[in-house]
Amino acid sequence: MSRKIAGFLVALAAFMIVEWINLGFNLQDGHPTAFYVVHGVLVAVNVGLGLVLGFVGLRGLGGLRGLRGLRGLRGGVQRPQGPPV
């Protein structure tokens, strides 16, 4: 991933997190309960997506260098080899 794309992901993540938390605090009173439930779910999902995008963007920028060695999801885990059975 290029540094430009990684920087864009970090900026997008920051925007999403700030914007959706702001929306959550600015909901006005007087709506039915379902309105708040739906918007609460929207806020939670979008903040979660923002965190994921920020994590990916920071990894792309090299800010989380210690996590680059994690390869368990890609099948790159080295297992000790014992004698054949």
PDB file of N, CA and C in Angstrom:
ATOM      1  N   MET A   1       0.853  -1.166   0.000  1.00  0.00           N
ATOM      2  CA  MET A   1       0.000   0.000   0.000  1.00  0.00           C
ATOM      3  C   MET A   1       0.904   1.236   0.000  1.00  0.00           C
ATOM      4  N   SER A   2       0.558   2.215  -0.794  1.00  0.00           N
ATOM      5  CA  SER A   2       1.376   3.427  -0.848  1.00  0.00           C
ATOM      6  C   SER A   2       1.131   4.291   0.387  1.00  0.00           C
ATOM      7  N   ARG A   3       2.067   5.164   0.661  1.00  0.00           N
ATOM      8  CA  ARG A   3       1.924   6.063   1.811  1.00  0.00           C
ATOM      9  C   ARG A   3       0.758   7.024   1.609  1.00  0.00           C
ATOM     10  N   LYS A   4       0.488   7.388   0.364  1.00  0.00           N
ATOM     11  CA  LYS A   4      -0.621   8.301   0.073  1.00  0.00           C
ATOM     12  C   LYS A   4      -1.956   7.647   0.430  1.00  0.00           C
ATOM     13  N   ILE A   5      -2.123   6.391   0.054  1.00  0.00           N
ATOM     14  CA  ILE A   5      -3.362   5.658   0.361  1.00  0.00           C
ATOM     15  C   ILE A   5      -3.479   5.450   1.868  1.00  0.00           C
ATOM     16  N   ALA A   6      -2.368   5.087   2.512  1.00  0.00           N
ATOM     17  CA  ALA A   6      -2.392   4.874   3.960  1.00  0.00           C
ATOM     18  C   ALA A   6      -2.755   6.165   4.684  1.00  0.00           C
ATOM     19  N   GLY A   7      -2.202   7.279   4.249  1.00  0.00           N
ATOM     20  CA  GLY A   7      -2.541   8.572   4.853  1.00  0.00           C
ATOM     21  C   GLY A   7      -4.001   8.919   4.653  1.00  0.00           C
ATOM     22  N   PHE A   8      -4.530   8.614   3.466  1.00  0.00           N
ATOM     23  CA  PHE A   8      -5.947   8.851   3.206  1.00  0.00           C
ATOM     24  C   PHE A   8      -6.813   8.015   4.142  1.00  0.00           C
ATOM     25  N   LEU A   9      -6.446   6.749   4.356  1.00  0.00           N
ATOM     26  CA  LEU A   9      -7.220   5.883   5.253  1.00  0.00           C
ATOM     27  C   LEU A   9      -7.212   6.413   6.679  1.00  0.00           C
ATOM     28  N   VAL A  10      -6.064   6.898   7.138  1.00  0.00           N
ATOM     29  CA  VAL A  10      -5.983   7.448   8.496  1.00  0.00           C
ATOM     30  C   VAL A  10      -6.855   8.697   8.605  1.00  0.00           C
ATOM     31  N   ALA A  11      -6.788   9.575   7.596  1.00  0.00           N
ATOM     32  CA  ALA A  11      -7.605  10.793   7.612  1.00  0.00           C
ATOM     33  C   ALA A  11      -9.094  10.456   7.556  1.00  0.00           C
ATOM     34  N   LEU A  12      -9.467   9.506   6.717  1.00  0.00           N
ATOM     35  CA  LEU A  12     -10.863   9.089   6.617  1.00  0.00           C
ATOM     36  C   LEU A  12     -11.342   8.488   7.935  1.00  0.00           C
ATOM     37  N   ALA A  13     -10.504   7.695   8.570  1.00  0.00           N
ATOM     38  CA  ALA A  13     -10.868   7.088   9.852  1.00  0.00           C
ATOM     39  C   ALA A  13     -11.095   8.158  10.909  1.00  0.00           C
ATOM     40  N   ALA A  14     -10.205   9.138  10.980  1.00  0.00           N
ATOM     41  CA  ALA A  14     -10.362  10.216  11.961  1.00  0.00           C
ATOM     42  C   ALA A  14     -11.652  10.983  11.701  1.00  0.00           C
ATOM     43  N   PHE A  15     -11.933  11.282  10.443  1.00  0.00           N
ATOM     44  CA  PHE A  15     -13.162  11.994  10.095  1.00  0.00           C
ATOM     45  C   PHE A  15     -14.390  11.182  10.496  1.00  0.00           C
ATOM     46  N   MET A  16     -14.399   9.883  10.162  1.00  0.00           N
ATOM     47  CA  MET A  16     -15.556   9.042  10.478  1.00  0.00           C
ATOM     48  C   MET A  16     -15.805   8.981  11.976  1.00  0.00           C
ATOM     49  N   ILE A  17     -14.752   8.794  12.740  1.00  0.00           N
ATOM     50  CA  ILE A  17     -14.916   8.664  14.189  1.00  0.00           C
ATOM     51  C   ILE A  17     -15.453   9.961  14.779  1.00  0.00           C
ATOM     52  N   VAL A  18     -14.841  11.087  14.418  1.00  0.00           N
ATOM     53  CA  VAL A  18     -15.281  12.380  14.964  1.00  0.00           C
ATOM     54  C   VAL A  18     -16.704  12.699  14.512  1.00  0.00           C
ATOM     55  N   GLU A  19     -16.995  12.502  13.242  1.00  0.00           N
ATOM     56  CA  GLU A  19     -18.306  12.862  12.700  1.00  0.00           C
ATOM     57  C   GLU A  19     -19.426  12.025  13.317  1.00  0.00           C
ATOM     58  N   TRP A  20     -19.239  10.713  13.429  1.00  0.00           N
ATOM     59  CA  TRP A  20     -20.311   9.869  13.952  1.00  0.00           C
ATOM     60  C   TRP A  20     -20.495  10.029  15.455  1.00  0.00           C
ATOM     61  N   ILE A  21     -19.414  10.270  16.187  1.00  0.00           N
ATOM     62  CA  ILE A  21     -19.574  10.540  17.624  1.00  0.00           C
ATOM     63  C   ILE A  21     -20.294  11.867  17.810  1.00  0.00           C
ATOM     64  N   ASN A  22     -19.961  12.857  16.996  1.00  0.00           N
ATOM     65  CA  ASN A  22     -20.639  14.149  17.044  1.00  0.00           C
ATOM     66  C   ASN A  22     -22.126  13.982  16.745  1.00  0.00           C
ATOM     67  N   LEU A  23     -22.462  13.184  15.740  1.00  0.00           N
ATOM     68  CA  LEU A  23     -23.864  12.940  15.423  1.00  0.00           C
ATOM     69  C   LEU A  23     -24.575  12.278  16.605  1.00  0.00           C
ATOM     70  N   GLY A  24     -23.909  11.346  17.248  1.00  0.00           N
ATOM     71  CA  GLY A  24     -24.516  10.676  18.396  1.00  0.00           C
ATOM     72  C   GLY A  24     -24.835  11.631  19.535  1.00  0.00           C
ATOM     73  N   PHE A  25     -23.962  12.600  19.769  1.00  0.00           N
ATOM     74  CA  PHE A  25     -24.208  13.569  20.836  1.00  0.00           C
ATOM     75  C   PHE A  25     -25.245  14.616  20.445  1.00  0.00           C
ATOM     76  N   ASN A  26     -25.449  14.844  19.162  1.00  0.00           N
ATOM     77  CA  ASN A  26     -26.357  15.896  18.710  1.00  0.00           C
ATOM     78  C   ASN A  26     -27.767  15.419  18.402  1.00  0.00           C
ATOM     79  N   LEU A  27     -28.092  14.170  18.676  1.00  0.00           N
ATOM     80  CA  LEU A  27     -29.461  13.703  18.459  1.00  0.00           C
ATOM     81  C   LEU A  27     -30.389  14.425  19.423  1.00  0.00           C
ATOM     82  N   GLN A  28     -31.492  14.959  18.899  1.00  0.00           N
ATOM     83  CA  GLN A  28     -32.416  15.718  19.732  1.00  0.00           C
ATOM     84  C   GLN A  28     -33.414  14.789  20.408  1.00  0.00           C
ATOM     85  N   ASP A  29     -33.965  15.257  21.516  1.00  0.00           N
ATOM     86  CA  ASP A  29     -34.974  14.489  22.245  1.00  0.00           C
ATOM     87  C   ASP A  29     -36.307  14.535  21.497  1.00  0.00           C
ATOM     88  N   GLY A  30     -37.196  13.627  21.858  1.00  0.00           N
ATOM     89  CA  GLY A  30     -38.542  13.650  21.322  1.00  0.00           C
ATOM     90  C   GLY A  30     -38.801  12.669  20.198  1.00  0.00           C
ATOM     91  N   HIS A  31     -37.876  11.822  19.888  1.00  0.00           N
ATOM     92  CA  HIS A  31     -38.077  10.823  18.837  1.00  0.00           C
ATOM     93  C   HIS A  31     -38.469   9.494  19.474  1.00  0.00           C
ATOM     94  N   PRO A  32     -39.080   8.593  18.697  1.00  0.00           N
ATOM     95  CA  PRO A  32     -39.393   7.262  19.228  1.00  0.00           C
ATOM     96  C   PRO A  32     -38.109   6.494  19.574  1.00  0.00           C
ATOM     97  N   THR A  33     -38.255   5.515  20.437  1.00  0.00           N
ATOM     98  CA  THR A  33     -37.099   4.735  20.887  1.00  0.00           C
ATOM     99  C   THR A  33     -36.390   4.050  19.720  1.00  0.00           C
ATOM    100  N   ALA A  34     -37.135   3.573  18.747  1.00  0.00           N
ATOM    101  CA  ALA A  34     -36.527   2.882  17.603  1.00  0.00           C
ATOM    102  C   ALA A  34     -35.554   3.798  16.862  1.00  0.00           C
ATOM    103  N   PHE A  35     -35.858   5.078  16.806  1.00  0.00           N
ATOM    104  CA  PHE A  35     -34.978   6.050  16.152  1.00  0.00           C
ATOM    105  C   PHE A  35     -33.612   6.054  16.831  1.00  0.00           C
ATOM    106  N   TYR A  36     -33.607   6.062  18.160  1.00  0.00           N
ATOM    107  CA  TYR A  36     -32.342   6.091  18.900  1.00  0.00           C
ATOM    108  C   TYR A  36     -31.599   4.765  18.788  1.00  0.00           C
ATOM    109  N   VAL A  37     -32.340   3.662  18.747  1.00  0.00           N
ATOM    110  CA  VAL A  37     -31.699   2.354  18.602  1.00  0.00           C
ATOM    111  C   VAL A  37     -31.004   2.266  17.247  1.00  0.00           C
ATOM    112  N   VAL A  38     -31.701   2.653  16.187  1.00  0.00           N
ATOM    113  CA  VAL A  38     -31.123   2.591  14.842  1.00  0.00           C
ATOM    114  C   VAL A  38     -29.901   3.494  14.746  1.00  0.00           C
ATOM    115  N   HIS A  39     -30.009   4.708  15.257  1.00  0.00           N
ATOM    116  CA  HIS A  39     -28.870   5.623  15.173  1.00  0.00           C
ATOM    117  C   HIS A  39     -27.723   5.181  16.082  1.00  0.00           C
ATOM    118  N   GLY A  40     -28.048   4.569  17.206  1.00  0.00           N
ATOM    119  CA  GLY A  40     -26.995   4.022  18.062  1.00  0.00           C
ATOM    120  C   GLY A  40     -26.221   2.919  17.362  1.00  0.00           C
ATOM    121  N   VAL A  41     -26.945   2.050  16.646  1.00  0.00           N
ATOM    122  CA  VAL A  41     -26.285   0.984  15.886  1.00  0.00           C
ATOM    123  C   VAL A  41     -25.437   1.583  14.766  1.00  0.00           C
ATOM    124  N   LEU A  42     -25.969   2.580  14.058  1.00  0.00           N
ATOM    125  CA  LEU A  42     -25.204   3.243  12.996  1.00  0.00           C
ATOM    126  C   LEU A  42     -23.922   3.866  13.540  1.00  0.00           C
ATOM    127  N   VAL A  43     -24.030   4.542  14.673  1.00  0.00           N
ATOM    128  CA  VAL A  43     -22.846   5.169  15.274  1.00  0.00           C
ATOM    129  C   VAL A  43     -21.826   4.103  15.648  1.00  0.00           C
ATOM    130  N   ALA A  44     -22.278   3.039  16.308  1.00  0.00           N
ATOM    131  CA  ALA A  44     -21.354   1.990  16.754  1.00  0.00           C
ATOM    132  C   ALA A  44     -20.657   1.311  15.570  1.00  0.00           C
ATOM    133  N   VAL A  45     -21.413   0.980  14.535  1.00  0.00           N
ATOM    134  CA  VAL A  45     -20.825   0.301  13.374  1.00  0.00           C
ATOM    135  C   VAL A  45     -19.830   1.209  12.667  1.00  0.00           C
ATOM    136  N   ASN A  46     -20.183   2.467  12.479  1.00  0.00           N
ATOM    137  CA  ASN A  46     -19.296   3.370  11.750  1.00  0.00           C
ATOM    138  C   ASN A  46     -18.060   3.742  12.552  1.00  0.00           C
ATOM    139  N   VAL A  47     -18.169   3.849  13.860  1.00  0.00           N
ATOM    140  CA  VAL A  47     -16.972   4.081  14.676  1.00  0.00           C
ATOM    141  C   VAL A  47     -16.075   2.846  14.616  1.00  0.00           C
ATOM    142  N   GLY A  48     -16.674   1.653  14.651  1.00  0.00           N
ATOM    143  CA  GLY A  48     -15.886   0.426  14.506  1.00  0.00           C
ATOM    144  C   GLY A  48     -15.173   0.362  13.167  1.00  0.00           C
ATOM    145  N   LEU A  49     -15.877   0.717  12.090  1.00  0.00           N
ATOM    146  CA  LEU A  49     -15.243   0.750  10.768  1.00  0.00           C
ATOM    147  C   LEU A  49     -14.126   1.788  10.720  1.00  0.00           C
ATOM    148  N   GLY A  50     -14.346   2.919  11.379  1.00  0.00           N
ATOM    149  CA  GLY A  50     -13.304   3.938  11.439  1.00  0.00           C
ATOM    150  C   GLY A  50     -12.067   3.441  12.159  1.00  0.00           C
ATOM    151  N   LEU A  51     -12.264   2.690  13.240  1.00  0.00           N
ATOM    152  CA  LEU A  51     -11.121   2.130  13.964  1.00  0.00           C
ATOM    153  C   LEU A  51     -10.359   1.128  13.099  1.00  0.00           C
ATOM    154  N   VAL A  52     -11.096   0.302  12.367  1.00  0.00           N
ATOM    155  CA  VAL A  52     -10.444  -0.677  11.485  1.00  0.00           C
ATOM    156  C   VAL A  52      -9.663   0.035  10.384  1.00  0.00           C
ATOM    157  N   LEU A  53     -10.273   1.042   9.760  1.00  0.00           N
ATOM    158  CA  LEU A  53      -9.573   1.791   8.713  1.00  0.00           C
ATOM    159  C   LEU A  53      -8.334   2.487   9.267  1.00  0.00           C
ATOM    160  N   GLY A  54      -8.449   3.030  10.477  1.00  0.00           N
ATOM    161  CA  GLY A  54      -7.292   3.673  11.095  1.00  0.00           C
ATOM    162  C   GLY A  54      -6.176   2.682  11.366  1.00  0.00           C
ATOM    163  N   PHE A  55      -6.533   1.500  11.827  1.00  0.00           N
ATOM    164  CA  PHE A  55      -5.542   0.458  12.087  1.00  0.00           C
ATOM    165  C   PHE A  55      -4.827   0.055  10.799  1.00  0.00           C
ATOM    166  N   VAL A  56      -5.599  -0.154   9.738  1.00  0.00           N
ATOM    167  CA  VAL A  56      -5.009  -0.534   8.450  1.00  0.00           C
ATOM    168  C   VAL A  56      -4.130   0.596   7.917  1.00  0.00           C
ATOM    169  N   GLY A  57      -4.606   1.829   8.028  1.00  0.00           N
ATOM    170  CA  GLY A  57      -3.826   2.964   7.559  1.00  0.00           C
ATOM    171  C   GLY A  57      -2.532   3.142   8.328  1.00  0.00           C
ATOM    172  N   LEU A  58      -2.587   2.965   9.649  1.00  0.00           N
ATOM    173  CA  LEU A  58      -1.365   3.082  10.450  1.00  0.00           C
ATOM    174  C   LEU A  58      -0.382   1.969  10.121  1.00  0.00           C
ATOM    175  N   ARG A  59      -0.891   0.770   9.882  1.00  0.00           N
ATOM    176  CA  ARG A  59       0.012  -0.313   9.461  1.00  0.00           C
ATOM    177  C   ARG A  59       0.646   0.013   8.122  1.00  0.00           C
ATOM    178  N   GLY A  60      -0.130   0.618   7.232  1.00  0.00           N
ATOM    179  CA  GLY A  60       0.398   0.994   5.928  1.00  0.00           C
ATOM    180  C   GLY A  60       1.453   2.083   6.021  1.00  0.00           C
ATOM    181  N   LEU A  61       1.300   2.988   6.979  1.00  0.00           N
ATOM    182  CA  LEU A  61       2.294   4.040   7.177  1.00  0.00           C
ATOM    183  C   LEU A  61       3.528   3.530   7.902  1.00  0.00           C
ATOM    184  N   GLY A  62       3.432   2.357   8.491  1.00  0.00           N
ATOM    185  CA  GLY A  62       4.565   1.799   9.221  1.00  0.00           C
ATOM    186  C   GLY A  62       4.560   2.195  10.681  1.00  0.00           C
ATOM    187  N   GLY A  63       3.467   2.767  11.162  1.00  0.00           N
ATOM    188  CA  GLY A  63       3.380   3.189  12.553  1.00  0.00           C
ATOM    189  C   GLY A  63       3.235   2.030  13.521  1.00  0.00           C
ATOM    190  N   LEU A  64       2.776   0.896  13.055  1.00  0.00           N
ATOM    191  CA  LEU A  64       2.609  -0.279  13.909  1.00  0.00           C
ATOM    192  C   LEU A  64       3.532  -1.377  13.408  1.00  0.00           C
ATOM    193  N   ARG A  65       4.812  -1.109  13.421  1.00  0.00           N
ATOM    194  CA  ARG A  65       5.789  -2.045  12.865  1.00  0.00           C
ATOM    195  C   ARG A  65       5.817  -3.374  13.609  1.00  0.00           C
ATOM    196  N   GLY A  66       5.535  -3.375  14.893  1.00  0.00           N
ATOM    197  CA  GLY A  66       5.589  -4.611  15.656  1.00  0.00           C
ATOM    198  C   GLY A  66       4.524  -5.605  15.233  1.00  0.00           C
ATOM    199  N   LEU A  67       3.456  -5.133  14.611  1.00  0.00           N
ATOM    200  CA  LEU A  67       2.371  -6.022  14.214  1.00  0.00           C
ATOM    201  C   LEU A  67       2.549  -6.570  12.808  1.00  0.00           C
ATOM    202  N   ARG A  68       3.572  -6.136  12.099  1.00  0.00           N
ATOM    203  CA  ARG A  68       3.777  -6.639  10.741  1.00  0.00           C
ATOM    204  C   ARG A  68       4.189  -8.104  10.739  1.00  0.00           C
ATOM    205  N   GLY A  69       4.713  -8.592  11.841  1.00  0.00           N
ATOM    206  CA  GLY A  69       5.137  -9.980  11.904  1.00  0.00           C
ATOM    207  C   GLY A  69       3.986 -10.944  12.114  1.00  0.00           C
ATOM    208  N   LEU A  70       2.794 -10.441  12.386  1.00  0.00           N
ATOM    209  CA  LEU A  70       1.639 -11.308  12.579  1.00  0.00           C
ATOM    210  C   LEU A  70       1.181 -11.816  11.222  1.00  0.00           C
ATOM    211  N   ARG A  71       1.337 -13.085  10.996  1.00  0.00           N
ATOM    212  CA  ARG A  71       0.967 -13.639   9.703  1.00  0.00           C
ATOM    213  C   ARG A  71      -0.006 -14.795   9.855  1.00  0.00           C
ATOM    214  N   GLY A  72      -0.614 -14.930  11.022  1.00  0.00           N
ATOM    215  CA  GLY A  72      -1.492 -16.063  11.263  1.00  0.00           C
ATOM    216  C   GLY A  72      -2.687 -16.111  10.330  1.00  0.00           C
ATOM    217  N   LEU A  73      -3.192 -14.964   9.916  1.00  0.00           N
ATOM    218  CA  LEU A  73      -4.356 -14.948   9.046  1.00  0.00           C
ATOM    219  C   LEU A  73      -4.000 -15.282   7.604  1.00  0.00           C
ATOM    220  N   ARG A  74      -2.731 -15.181   7.250  1.00  0.00           N
ATOM    221  CA  ARG A  74      -2.324 -15.459   5.876  1.00  0.00           C
ATOM    222  C   ARG A  74      -1.653 -16.817   5.744  1.00  0.00           C
ATOM    223  N   GLY A  75      -1.615 -17.581   6.799  1.00  0.00           N
ATOM    224  CA  GLY A  75      -1.048 -18.914   6.719  1.00  0.00           C
ATOM    225  C   GLY A  75       0.460 -18.956   6.784  1.00  0.00           C
ATOM    226  N   GLY A  76       1.099 -17.897   7.235  1.00  0.00           N
ATOM    227  CA  GLY A  76       2.549 -17.860   7.272  1.00  0.00           C
ATOM    228  C   GLY A  76       3.125 -18.279   8.607  1.00  0.00           C
ATOM    229  N   VAL A  77       2.371 -18.975   9.434  1.00  0.00           N
ATOM    230  CA  VAL A  77       2.839 -19.371  10.757  1.00  0.00           C
ATOM    231  C   VAL A  77       3.799 -20.543  10.625  1.00  0.00           C
ATOM    232  N   GLN A  78       4.952 -20.431  11.237  1.00  0.00           N
ATOM    233  CA  GLN A  78       5.944 -21.509  11.222  1.00  0.00           C
ATOM    234  C   GLN A  78       5.657 -22.457  12.385  1.00  0.00           C
ATOM    235  N   ARG A  79       5.479 -23.711  12.095  1.00  0.00           N
ATOM    236  CA  ARG A  79       5.250 -24.708  13.134  1.00  0.00           C
ATOM    237  C   ARG A  79       6.501 -25.571  13.260  1.00  0.00           C
ATOM    238  N   PRO A  80       6.855 -25.935  14.485  1.00  0.00           N
ATOM    239  CA  PRO A  80       8.039 -26.781  14.645  1.00  0.00           C
ATOM    240  C   PRO A  80       7.808 -28.150  14.009  1.00  0.00           C
ATOM    241  N   GLN A  81       8.830 -28.641  13.341  1.00  0.00           N
ATOM    242  CA  GLN A  81       8.740 -29.936  12.674  1.00  0.00           C
ATOM    243  C   GLN A  81       9.359 -31.006  13.570  1.00  0.00           C
ATOM    244  N   GLY A  82       8.590 -32.016  13.867  1.00  0.00           N
ATOM    245  CA  GLY A  82       9.091 -33.141  14.643  1.00  0.00           C
ATOM    246  C   GLY A  82       9.483 -34.280  13.722  1.00  0.00           C
ATOM    247  N   PRO A  83       9.931 -35.368  14.291  1.00  0.00           N
ATOM    248  CA  PRO A  83      10.281 -36.520  13.455  1.00  0.00           C
ATOM    249  C   PRO A  83       9.025 -37.095  12.804  1.00  0.00           C
ATOM    250  N   PRO A  84       9.137 -37.630  11.606  1.00  0.00           N
ATOM    251  CA  PRO A  84       7.957 -38.210  10.945  1.00  0.00           C
ATOM    252  C   PRO A  84       7.433 -39.402  11.731  1.00  0.00           C
ATOM    253  N   VAL A  85       6.145 -39.532  11.746  1.00  0.00           N
ATOM    254  CA  VAL A  85       5.504 -40.608  12.507  1.00  0.00           C
ATOM    255  C   VAL A  85       5.174 -41.766  11.612  1.00  0.00           C
TER     256      VAL A  85
END
